[in-house]
Protein backbone atom coordinates (compact mmCIF):
# COMPACT_ATOMS: atom_id res chain seq x y z
CA UNK A 1 -21.94 52.66 10.21
CA UNK A 2 -23.14 56.04 9.29
CA UNK A 3 -26.48 57.37 9.98
CA UNK A 4 -27.50 56.95 6.33
CA UNK A 5 -27.28 53.10 6.67
CA UNK A 6 -28.86 52.53 10.20
CA UNK A 7 -32.39 52.14 10.91
CA UNK A 8 -34.75 52.19 13.89
CA UNK A 9 -37.64 50.18 14.87
CA UNK A 10 -40.45 52.32 16.40
CA UNK A 11 -42.15 50.56 19.06
CA UNK A 12 -45.36 52.79 18.81
CA UNK A 13 -45.95 51.93 15.25
CA UNK A 14 -47.58 48.60 14.26
CA UNK A 15 -45.35 47.03 11.56
CA UNK A 16 -46.37 43.44 12.10
CA UNK A 17 -46.57 42.07 8.64
CA UNK A 18 -49.79 40.04 9.21
CA UNK A 19 -51.55 43.08 10.66
CA UNK A 20 -50.47 45.00 7.64
CA UNK A 21 -52.02 42.28 5.35
CA UNK A 22 -48.83 40.45 4.18
CA UNK A 23 -49.58 36.86 5.37
CA UNK A 24 -46.89 35.35 3.37
CA UNK A 25 -44.10 36.88 5.51
CA UNK A 26 -42.35 34.63 8.30
CA UNK A 27 -39.33 34.40 10.26
CA UNK A 28 -38.53 30.76 9.47
CA UNK A 29 -34.72 30.08 9.58
CA UNK A 30 -34.26 33.65 11.17
CA UNK A 31 -33.35 34.29 14.70
CA UNK A 32 -34.62 36.89 17.04
CA UNK A 33 -33.44 40.26 15.77
CA UNK A 34 -32.33 38.76 12.50
CA UNK A 35 -33.30 40.67 9.34
CA UNK A 36 -33.85 39.60 5.71
CA UNK A 37 -35.05 41.01 2.42
CA UNK A 38 -38.65 40.84 1.67
CA UNK A 39 -39.39 37.52 0.46
CA UNK A 40 -43.22 37.99 -0.30
CA UNK A 41 -45.12 39.82 -2.69
CA UNK A 42 -46.02 43.53 -1.49
CA UNK A 43 -49.36 45.02 -2.84
CA UNK A 44 -50.60 48.52 -2.78
CA UNK A 45 -47.19 50.21 -2.21
CA UNK A 46 -47.42 54.07 -2.36
CA UNK A 47 -46.47 55.82 -5.59
CA UNK A 48 -42.60 55.88 -6.02
CA UNK A 49 -42.10 53.07 -3.46
CA UNK A 50 -40.64 49.67 -4.42
CA UNK A 51 -40.16 46.31 -2.65
CA UNK A 52 -36.39 46.65 -2.54
CA UNK A 53 -36.74 49.65 -0.09
CA UNK A 54 -38.26 47.33 2.49
CA UNK A 55 -36.86 44.56 4.67
CA UNK A 56 -38.09 42.21 7.57
CA UNK A 57 -36.75 42.07 10.89
CA UNK A 58 -37.85 39.41 13.18
CA UNK A 59 -38.69 40.31 16.79
CA UNK A 60 -40.24 38.70 19.80
CA UNK A 61 -43.77 39.73 20.39
CA UNK A 62 -44.58 41.30 23.81
CA UNK A 63 -46.71 38.83 26.09
CA UNK A 64 -49.29 39.64 28.65
CA UNK A 65 -46.65 38.47 31.18
CA UNK A 66 -44.05 40.75 29.71
CA UNK A 67 -46.46 43.83 30.08
CA UNK A 68 -47.36 42.89 33.62
CA UNK A 69 -43.65 42.65 34.60
CA UNK A 70 -42.80 45.73 32.62
CA UNK A 71 -40.08 43.38 30.98
CA UNK A 72 -37.56 45.42 29.01
CA UNK A 73 -37.19 42.55 26.44
CA UNK A 74 -40.34 40.78 25.07
CA UNK A 75 -40.30 36.95 25.54
CA UNK A 76 -43.09 35.86 23.02
CA UNK A 77 -43.08 34.22 19.63
CA UNK A 78 -40.80 35.89 17.02
CA UNK A 79 -42.93 37.70 14.53
CA UNK A 80 -41.88 39.67 11.26
CA UNK A 81 -41.92 43.31 11.14
CA UNK A 82 -41.85 45.27 7.99
CA UNK A 83 -39.26 48.31 7.99
CA UNK A 84 -38.62 50.78 5.16
CA UNK A 85 -35.14 52.03 4.42
CA UNK A 86 -34.75 55.77 4.70
CA UNK A 87 -35.81 57.86 1.70
CA UNK A 88 -33.47 57.43 -1.33
CA UNK A 89 -31.99 54.09 -0.14
CA UNK A 90 -32.57 50.42 -0.85
CA UNK A 91 -31.99 47.31 1.04
CA UNK A 92 -28.93 45.31 0.11
CA UNK A 93 -29.74 41.73 0.77
CA UNK A 94 -26.14 40.59 0.78
CA UNK A 95 -24.93 43.21 3.29
CA UNK A 96 -28.16 43.20 5.38
CA UNK A 97 -28.30 47.01 5.35
CA UNK A 98 -29.80 50.04 3.58
CA UNK A 99 -27.57 51.91 1.22
CA UNK A 100 -27.63 54.05 -1.98
CA UNK A 101 -29.02 52.56 -5.11
CA UNK A 102 -26.28 51.34 -7.48
CA UNK A 103 -26.31 52.21 -11.26
């Protein structure tokens, strides 16, 4: 993988789909740290943005016990997080990665 088709999940940003107002997002049939294309309607996208630039990654939520124990890996329920591909790239739902738009 090159730097153009990688992504990061910033811990400081709240990307939880429910908190962002996307209540239709879920992690059914997806394992922890699994990713998938956006499968819900995204409203109020900034100008120049499209749904195909985003994807969902399912991550365990940090529990109170995790915080107390300063656990490295969260152990809570799996929750969907919304991630945007780097500028100019779109999410390829078959390859499960961000890549240059074709055609």
